[in-house]
PDB file of N, CA and C in Angstrom:
ATOM      1  N   MET A   1     -35.847  95.120  16.939  1.00  0.00           N
ATOM      2  CA  MET A   1     -35.745  95.446  15.421  1.00  0.00           C
ATOM      3  C   MET A   1     -36.112  94.193  14.684  1.00  0.00           C
ATOM      4  N   THR A   2     -36.704  94.252  13.692  1.00  0.00           N
ATOM      5  CA  THR A   2     -37.287  93.082  12.827  1.00  0.00           C
ATOM      6  C   THR A   2     -36.398  92.752  11.704  1.00  0.00           C
ATOM      7  N   ASN A   3     -36.333  91.429  11.447  1.00  0.00           N
ATOM      8  CA  ASN A   3     -35.657  91.078  10.230  1.00  0.00           C
ATOM      9  C   ASN A   3     -36.550  91.083   8.978  1.00  0.00           C
ATOM     10  N   ASN A   4     -36.246  92.000   8.196  1.00  0.00           N
ATOM     11  CA  ASN A   4     -37.039  92.381   7.079  1.00  0.00           C
ATOM     12  C   ASN A   4     -36.473  91.704   5.720  1.00  0.00           C
ATOM     13  N   SER A   5     -36.835  90.440   5.514  1.00  0.00           N
ATOM     14  CA  SER A   5     -36.200  89.888   4.431  1.00  0.00           C
ATOM     15  C   SER A   5     -36.985  89.586   3.233  1.00  0.00           C
ATOM     16  N   PHE A   6     -38.160  90.569   3.248  1.00  0.00           N
ATOM     17  CA  PHE A   6     -39.141  90.424   2.214  1.00  0.00           C
ATOM     18  C   PHE A   6     -38.715  90.725   0.752  1.00  0.00           C
ATOM     19  N   PHE A   7     -37.538  91.436   0.664  1.00  0.00           N
ATOM     20  CA  PHE A   7     -36.983  92.004  -0.552  1.00  0.00           C
ATOM     21  C   PHE A   7     -35.758  91.215  -0.986  1.00  0.00           C
ATOM     22  N   ASP A   8     -35.535  90.203  -0.345  1.00  0.00           N
ATOM     23  CA  ASP A   8     -34.336  89.299  -0.458  1.00  0.00           C
ATOM     24  C   ASP A   8     -34.549  88.494  -1.834  1.00  0.00           C
ATOM     25  N   GLU A   9     -35.703  87.868  -1.972  1.00  0.00           N
ATOM     26  CA  GLU A   9     -36.102  87.128  -3.101  1.00  0.00           C
ATOM     27  C   GLU A   9     -37.436  87.321  -3.409  1.00  0.00           C
ATOM     28  N   SER A  10     -37.795  87.047  -4.781  1.00  0.00           N
ATOM     29  CA  SER A  10     -39.137  87.158  -5.070  1.00  0.00           C
ATOM     30  C   SER A  10     -39.763  85.775  -5.350  1.00  0.00           C
ATOM     31  N   ARG A  11     -41.070  85.571  -4.819  1.00  0.00           N
ATOM     32  CA  ARG A  11     -41.722  84.250  -5.227  1.00  0.00           C
ATOM     33  C   ARG A  11     -42.137  84.124  -6.610  1.00  0.00           C
ATOM     34  N   GLU A  12     -42.385  82.999  -7.090  1.00  0.00           N
ATOM     35  CA  GLU A  12     -42.850  82.739  -8.310  1.00  0.00           C
ATOM     36  C   GLU A  12     -44.038  83.393  -8.767  1.00  0.00           C
ATOM     37  N   THR A  13     -44.973  83.576  -7.664  1.00  0.00           N
ATOM     38  CA  THR A  13     -46.187  84.172  -7.924  1.00  0.00           C
ATOM     39  C   THR A  13     -45.906  85.857  -8.020  1.00  0.00           C
ATOM     40  N   SER A  14     -45.039  86.375  -7.460  1.00  0.00           N
ATOM     41  CA  SER A  14     -44.629  87.663  -7.378  1.00  0.00           C
ATOM     42  C   SER A  14     -44.002  88.014  -8.959  1.00  0.00           C
ATOM     43  N   LEU A  15     -43.352  87.002  -9.367  1.00  0.00           N
ATOM     44  CA  LEU A  15     -42.625  87.299 -10.787  1.00  0.00           C
ATOM     45  C   LEU A  15     -43.715  87.293 -11.655  1.00  0.00           C
ATOM     46  N   ALA A  16     -44.676  86.510 -11.618  1.00  0.00           N
ATOM     47  CA  ALA A  16     -45.709  86.311 -12.586  1.00  0.00           C
ATOM     48  C   ALA A  16     -46.540  87.507 -12.444  1.00  0.00           C
ATOM     49  N   LYS A  17     -46.921  88.110 -11.384  1.00  0.00           N
ATOM     50  CA  LYS A  17     -47.641  89.283 -11.204  1.00  0.00           C
ATOM     51  C   LYS A  17     -46.847  90.486 -11.707  1.00  0.00           C
ATOM     52  N   ALA A  18     -45.698  90.550 -11.399  1.00  0.00           N
ATOM     53  CA  ALA A  18     -44.916  91.654 -12.027  1.00  0.00           C
ATOM     54  C   ALA A  18     -44.927  91.682 -13.527  1.00  0.00           C
ATOM     55  N   GLU A  19     -44.753  90.573 -14.195  1.00  0.00           N
ATOM     56  CA  GLU A  19     -44.785  90.562 -15.616  1.00  0.00           C
ATOM     57  C   GLU A  19     -46.136  90.872 -16.119  1.00  0.00           C
ATOM     58  N   ILE A  20     -47.239  90.391 -15.603  1.00  0.00           N
ATOM     59  CA  ILE A  20     -48.587  91.011 -15.933  1.00  0.00           C
ATOM     60  C   ILE A  20     -48.723  92.513 -15.634  1.00  0.00           C
ATOM     61  N   VAL A  21     -48.468  92.897 -14.771  1.00  0.00           N
ATOM     62  CA  VAL A  21     -48.585  94.313 -14.488  1.00  0.00           C
ATOM     63  C   VAL A  21     -47.919  95.198 -15.426  1.00  0.00           C
ATOM     64  N   ALA A  22     -46.562  94.706 -15.587  1.00  0.00           N
ATOM     65  CA  ALA A  22     -45.788  95.411 -16.685  1.00  0.00           C
ATOM     66  C   ALA A  22     -46.365  95.377 -18.040  1.00  0.00           C
ATOM     67  N   LYS A  23     -46.754  94.256 -18.564  1.00  0.00           N
ATOM     68  CA  LYS A  23     -47.308  94.148 -19.876  1.00  0.00           C
ATOM     69  C   LYS A  23     -48.550  94.986 -19.903  1.00  0.00           C
ATOM     70  N   TYR A  24     -49.413  94.895 -18.917  1.00  0.00           N
ATOM     71  CA  TYR A  24     -50.640  95.489 -18.908  1.00  0.00           C
ATOM     72  C   TYR A  24     -50.420  97.068 -19.088  1.00  0.00           C
ATOM     73  N   PHE A  25     -49.580  97.694 -18.170  1.00  0.00           N
ATOM     74  CA  PHE A  25     -49.491  99.111 -18.121  1.00  0.00           C
ATOM     75  C   PHE A  25     -48.902  99.496 -19.402  1.00  0.00           C
ATOM     76  N   LEU A  26     -47.953  98.760 -20.005  1.00  0.00           N
ATOM     77  CA  LEU A  26     -47.121  99.321 -21.299  1.00  0.00           C
ATOM     78  C   LEU A  26     -48.345  99.252 -22.440  1.00  0.00           C
ATOM     79  N   SER A  27     -49.136  98.210 -22.477  1.00  0.00           N
ATOM     80  CA  SER A  27     -50.150  98.079 -23.554  1.00  0.00           C
ATOM     81  C   SER A  27     -51.206  99.237 -23.245  1.00  0.00           C
ATOM     82  N   TRP A  28     -51.608  99.529 -22.078  1.00  0.00           N
ATOM     83  CA  TRP A  28     -52.333 100.653 -21.611  1.00  0.00           C
ATOM     84  C   TRP A  28     -51.910 102.060 -21.948  1.00  0.00           C
ATOM     85  N   ALA A  29     -50.507 102.124 -21.783  1.00  0.00           N
ATOM     86  CA  ALA A  29     -49.829 103.358 -21.924  1.00  0.00           C
ATOM     87  C   ALA A  29     -49.800 103.729 -23.569  1.00  0.00           C
ATOM     88  N   LYS A  30     -49.637 102.700 -24.319  1.00  0.00           N
ATOM     89  CA  LYS A  30     -49.659 102.914 -25.834  1.00  0.00           C
ATOM     90  C   LYS A  30     -50.934 103.411 -26.359  1.00  0.00           C
ATOM     91  N   VAL A  31     -52.114 103.117 -25.723  1.00  0.00           N
ATOM     92  CA  VAL A  31     -53.329 103.640 -26.007  1.00  0.00           C
ATOM     93  C   VAL A  31     -53.625 105.124 -25.354  1.00  0.00           C
ATOM     94  N   ILE A  32     -53.238 105.341 -24.187  1.00  0.00           N
ATOM     95  CA  ILE A  32     -53.543 106.324 -23.419  1.00  0.00           C
ATOM     96  C   ILE A  32     -52.460 107.497 -23.969  1.00  0.00           C
ATOM     97  N   ILE A  33     -51.247 107.473 -24.051  1.00  0.00           N
ATOM     98  CA  ILE A  33     -50.253 108.315 -24.223  1.00  0.00           C
ATOM     99  C   ILE A  33     -50.630 109.268 -25.488  1.00  0.00           C
ATOM    100  N   PRO A  34     -51.116 108.848 -26.588  1.00  0.00           N
ATOM    101  CA  PRO A  34     -51.374 109.759 -27.713  1.00  0.00           C
ATOM    102  C   PRO A  34     -52.610 110.527 -27.257  1.00  0.00           C
ATOM    103  N   GLN A  35     -53.624 110.009 -26.592  1.00  0.00           N
ATOM    104  CA  GLN A  35     -54.784 110.893 -26.193  1.00  0.00           C
ATOM    105  C   GLN A  35     -54.152 112.100 -25.110  1.00  0.00           C
ATOM    106  N   ALA A  36     -53.371 111.520 -24.280  1.00  0.00           N
ATOM    107  CA  ALA A  36     -52.890 112.621 -23.297  1.00  0.00           C
ATOM    108  C   ALA A  36     -52.052 113.608 -23.924  1.00  0.00           C
ATOM    109  N   LYS A  37     -51.231 113.264 -24.915  1.00  0.00           N
ATOM    110  CA  LYS A  37     -50.501 114.208 -25.674  1.00  0.00           C
ATOM    111  C   LYS A  37     -51.400 115.393 -26.320  1.00  0.00           C
ATOM    112  N   LYS A  38     -52.585 114.775 -27.011  1.00  0.00           N
ATOM    113  CA  LYS A  38     -53.402 115.672 -27.673  1.00  0.00           C
ATOM    114  C   LYS A  38     -53.908 116.886 -26.655  1.00  0.00           C
ATOM    115  N   ARG A  39     -54.077 116.399 -25.489  1.00  0.00           N
ATOM    116  CA  ARG A  39     -54.658 117.228 -24.448  1.00  0.00           C
ATOM    117  C   ARG A  39     -53.578 118.204 -23.743  1.00  0.00           C
ATOM    118  N   GLY A  40     -52.425 117.810 -24.111  1.00  0.00           N
ATOM    119  CA  GLY A  40     -51.161 118.564 -23.338  1.00  0.00           C
ATOM    120  C   GLY A  40     -51.022 117.918 -21.950  1.00  0.00           C
ATOM    121  N   GLU A  41     -51.492 116.737 -21.690  1.00  0.00           N
ATOM    122  CA  GLU A  41     -51.307 115.983 -20.311  1.00  0.00           C
ATOM    123  C   GLU A  41     -50.362 114.966 -20.361  1.00  0.00           C
ATOM    124  N   ASN A  42     -50.002 114.508 -19.093  1.00  0.00           N
ATOM    125  CA  ASN A  42     -48.919 113.329 -18.955  1.00  0.00           C
ATOM    126  C   ASN A  42     -49.788 112.258 -18.217  1.00  0.00           C
ATOM    127  N   ILE A  43     -49.088 110.986 -18.324  1.00  0.00           N
ATOM    128  CA  ILE A  43     -49.735 109.919 -17.511  1.00  0.00           C
ATOM    129  C   ILE A  43     -48.624 109.576 -16.447  1.00  0.00           C
ATOM    130  N   ALA A  44     -49.046 108.908 -15.475  1.00  0.00           N
ATOM    131  CA  ALA A  44     -48.191 108.422 -14.457  1.00  0.00           C
ATOM    132  C   ALA A  44     -48.523 107.037 -13.828  1.00  0.00           C
ATOM    133  N   TYR A  45     -47.636 106.411 -13.324  1.00  0.00           N
ATOM    134  CA  TYR A  45     -47.847 105.188 -12.701  1.00  0.00           C
ATOM    135  C   TYR A  45     -47.177 105.352 -11.265  1.00  0.00           C
ATOM    136  N   ILE A  46     -48.164 105.051 -10.165  1.00  0.00           N
ATOM    137  CA  ILE A  46     -47.820 105.200  -8.716  1.00  0.00           C
ATOM    138  C   ILE A  46     -47.969 103.865  -8.107  1.00  0.00           C
ATOM    139  N   LYS A  47     -46.975 103.438  -7.599  1.00  0.00           N
ATOM    140  CA  LYS A  47     -46.929 102.112  -6.825  1.00  0.00           C
ATOM    141  C   LYS A  47     -46.579 102.387  -5.325  1.00  0.00           C
ATOM    142  N   LEU A  48     -47.383 102.399  -4.456  1.00  0.00           N
ATOM    143  CA  LEU A  48     -47.164 102.575  -3.184  1.00  0.00           C
ATOM    144  C   LEU A  48     -46.538 101.471  -2.516  1.00  0.00           C
ATOM    145  N   PHE A  49     -45.679 101.412  -1.493  1.00  0.00           N
ATOM    146  CA  PHE A  49     -45.151 100.299  -0.876  1.00  0.00           C
ATOM    147  C   PHE A  49     -44.377  99.422  -1.788  1.00  0.00           C
ATOM    148  N   SER A  50     -43.450  99.861  -2.434  1.00  0.00           N
ATOM    149  CA  SER A  50     -42.698  99.174  -3.427  1.00  0.00           C
ATOM    150  C   SER A  50     -41.174  99.586  -3.390  1.00  0.00           C
ATOM    151  N   VAL A  51     -40.240  98.731  -4.003  1.00  0.00           N
ATOM    152  CA  VAL A  51     -38.977  99.164  -4.080  1.00  0.00           C
ATOM    153  C   VAL A  51     -38.644  99.239  -5.615  1.00  0.00           C
ATOM    154  N   LEU A  52     -37.896 100.239  -5.943  1.00  0.00           N
ATOM    155  CA  LEU A  52     -37.671 100.396  -7.319  1.00  0.00           C
ATOM    156  C   LEU A  52     -36.365  99.391  -7.718  1.00  0.00           C
ATOM    157  N   SER A  53     -35.475  99.187  -6.834  1.00  0.00           N
ATOM    158  CA  SER A  53     -34.386  98.322  -7.131  1.00  0.00           C
ATOM    159  C   SER A  53     -34.711  96.965  -7.212  1.00  0.00           C
ATOM    160  N   PRO A  54     -33.871  96.143  -7.921  1.00  0.00           N
ATOM    161  CA  PRO A  54     -34.054  94.772  -7.922  1.00  0.00           C
ATOM    162  C   PRO A  54     -34.082  94.130  -6.452  1.00  0.00           C
ATOM    163  N   TYR A  55     -34.719  92.802  -6.424  1.00  0.00           N
ATOM    164  CA  TYR A  55     -34.447  92.172  -5.310  1.00  0.00           C
ATOM    165  C   TYR A  55     -33.098  91.606  -5.026  1.00  0.00           C
ATOM    166  N   GLN A  56     -32.897  91.110  -3.702  1.00  0.00           N
ATOM    167  CA  GLN A  56     -31.479  90.616  -3.496  1.00  0.00           C
ATOM    168  C   GLN A  56     -31.118  89.541  -4.617  1.00  0.00           C
ATOM    169  N   ASP A  57     -32.032  88.724  -4.918  1.00  0.00           N
ATOM    170  CA  ASP A  57     -32.019  87.572  -5.828  1.00  0.00           C
ATOM    171  C   ASP A  57     -31.723  88.159  -7.253  1.00  0.00           C
ATOM    172  N   GLY A  58     -31.822  89.402  -7.604  1.00  0.00           N
ATOM    173  CA  GLY A  58     -31.709  89.971  -8.980  1.00  0.00           C
ATOM    174  C   GLY A  58     -32.997  90.042  -9.624  1.00  0.00           C
ATOM    175  N   SER A  59     -34.170  89.518  -9.263  1.00  0.00           N
ATOM    176  CA  SER A  59     -35.363  89.661  -9.832  1.00  0.00           C
ATOM    177  C   SER A  59     -35.849  91.048  -9.760  1.00  0.00           C
ATOM    178  N   LYS A  60     -36.375  91.516 -10.857  1.00  0.00           N
ATOM    179  CA  LYS A  60     -36.890  93.066 -11.027  1.00  0.00           C
ATOM    180  C   LYS A  60     -38.112  93.244 -10.494  1.00  0.00           C
ATOM    181  N   SER A  61     -38.346  94.225  -9.629  1.00  0.00           N
ATOM    182  CA  SER A  61     -39.631  94.748  -8.985  1.00  0.00           C
ATOM    183  C   SER A  61     -40.578  95.335 -10.243  1.00  0.00           C
ATOM    184  N   LYS A  62     -41.744  95.381  -9.864  1.00  0.00           N
ATOM    185  CA  LYS A  62     -42.957  95.903 -10.736  1.00  0.00           C
ATOM    186  C   LYS A  62     -42.495  97.206 -11.233  1.00  0.00           C
ATOM    187  N   PRO A  63     -42.113  98.237 -10.454  1.00  0.00           N
ATOM    188  CA  PRO A  63     -41.882  99.594 -10.959  1.00  0.00           C
ATOM    189  C   PRO A  63     -40.669  99.428 -11.930  1.00  0.00           C
ATOM    190  N   LEU A  64     -39.545  98.633 -11.633  1.00  0.00           N
ATOM    191  CA  LEU A  64     -38.431  98.532 -12.541  1.00  0.00           C
ATOM    192  C   LEU A  64     -38.704  97.864 -13.857  1.00  0.00           C
ATOM    193  N   LEU A  65     -39.542  96.821 -13.778  1.00  0.00           N
ATOM    194  CA  LEU A  65     -39.961  96.360 -15.095  1.00  0.00           C
ATOM    195  C   LEU A  65     -40.753  97.289 -15.849  1.00  0.00           C
ATOM    196  N   ILE A  66     -41.503  98.127 -15.332  1.00  0.00           N
ATOM    197  CA  ILE A  66     -42.347  99.091 -16.006  1.00  0.00           C
ATOM    198  C   ILE A  66     -41.488 100.260 -16.565  1.00  0.00           C
ATOM    199  N   LEU A  67     -40.453 100.680 -15.836  1.00  0.00           N
ATOM    200  CA  LEU A  67     -39.662 101.709 -16.165  1.00  0.00           C
ATOM    201  C   LEU A  67     -38.708 101.155 -17.392  1.00  0.00           C
ATOM    202  N   LEU A  68     -38.232  99.946 -17.164  1.00  0.00           N
ATOM    203  CA  LEU A  68     -37.337  99.347 -18.420  1.00  0.00           C
ATOM    204  C   LEU A  68     -38.092  99.326 -19.663  1.00  0.00           C
ATOM    205  N   GLY A  69     -39.406  98.647 -19.497  1.00  0.00           N
ATOM    206  CA  GLY A  69     -40.298  98.623 -20.601  1.00  0.00           C
ATOM    207  C   GLY A  69     -40.619 100.129 -21.351  1.00  0.00           C
ATOM    208  N   ILE A  70     -40.719 101.014 -20.678  1.00  0.00           N
ATOM    209  CA  ILE A  70     -40.818 102.382 -21.184  1.00  0.00           C
ATOM    210  C   ILE A  70     -39.700 102.899 -21.869  1.00  0.00           C
ATOM    211  N   ILE A  71     -38.582 102.605 -21.150  1.00  0.00           N
ATOM    212  CA  ILE A  71     -37.321 103.053 -21.809  1.00  0.00           C
ATOM    213  C   ILE A  71     -37.054 102.270 -23.142  1.00  0.00           C
ATOM    214  N   SER A  72     -37.526 100.929 -23.204  1.00  0.00           N
ATOM    215  CA  SER A  72     -37.030 100.254 -24.494  1.00  0.00           C
ATOM    216  C   SER A  72     -38.193 100.557 -25.556  1.00  0.00           C
ATOM    217  N   THR A  73     -39.458 101.116 -25.189  1.00  0.00           N
ATOM    218  CA  THR A  73     -40.244 101.574 -26.240  1.00  0.00           C
ATOM    219  C   THR A  73     -40.015 102.877 -26.839  1.00  0.00           C
ATOM    220  N   THR A  74     -39.215 103.733 -26.161  1.00  0.00           N
ATOM    221  CA  THR A  74     -39.256 105.000 -26.506  1.00  0.00           C
ATOM    222  C   THR A  74     -37.869 105.190 -27.426  1.00  0.00           C
TER     223      THR A  74
END
């Protein structure tokens, strides 16, 4: 059995990447959502190999940051 401590704490670079991805997605969504609604379509964000919950140290994962951002803008 392996000791998978990857999700115990996030690195500084992971935090920076998560912030960039979340901000980019939310900016992109603000432009795309009105166009999708006109066509009767939805948008989606799919992140493979990720965890939705926070890291063990309390840092938020990318999908969680995006979800919280969407909730705060609606």
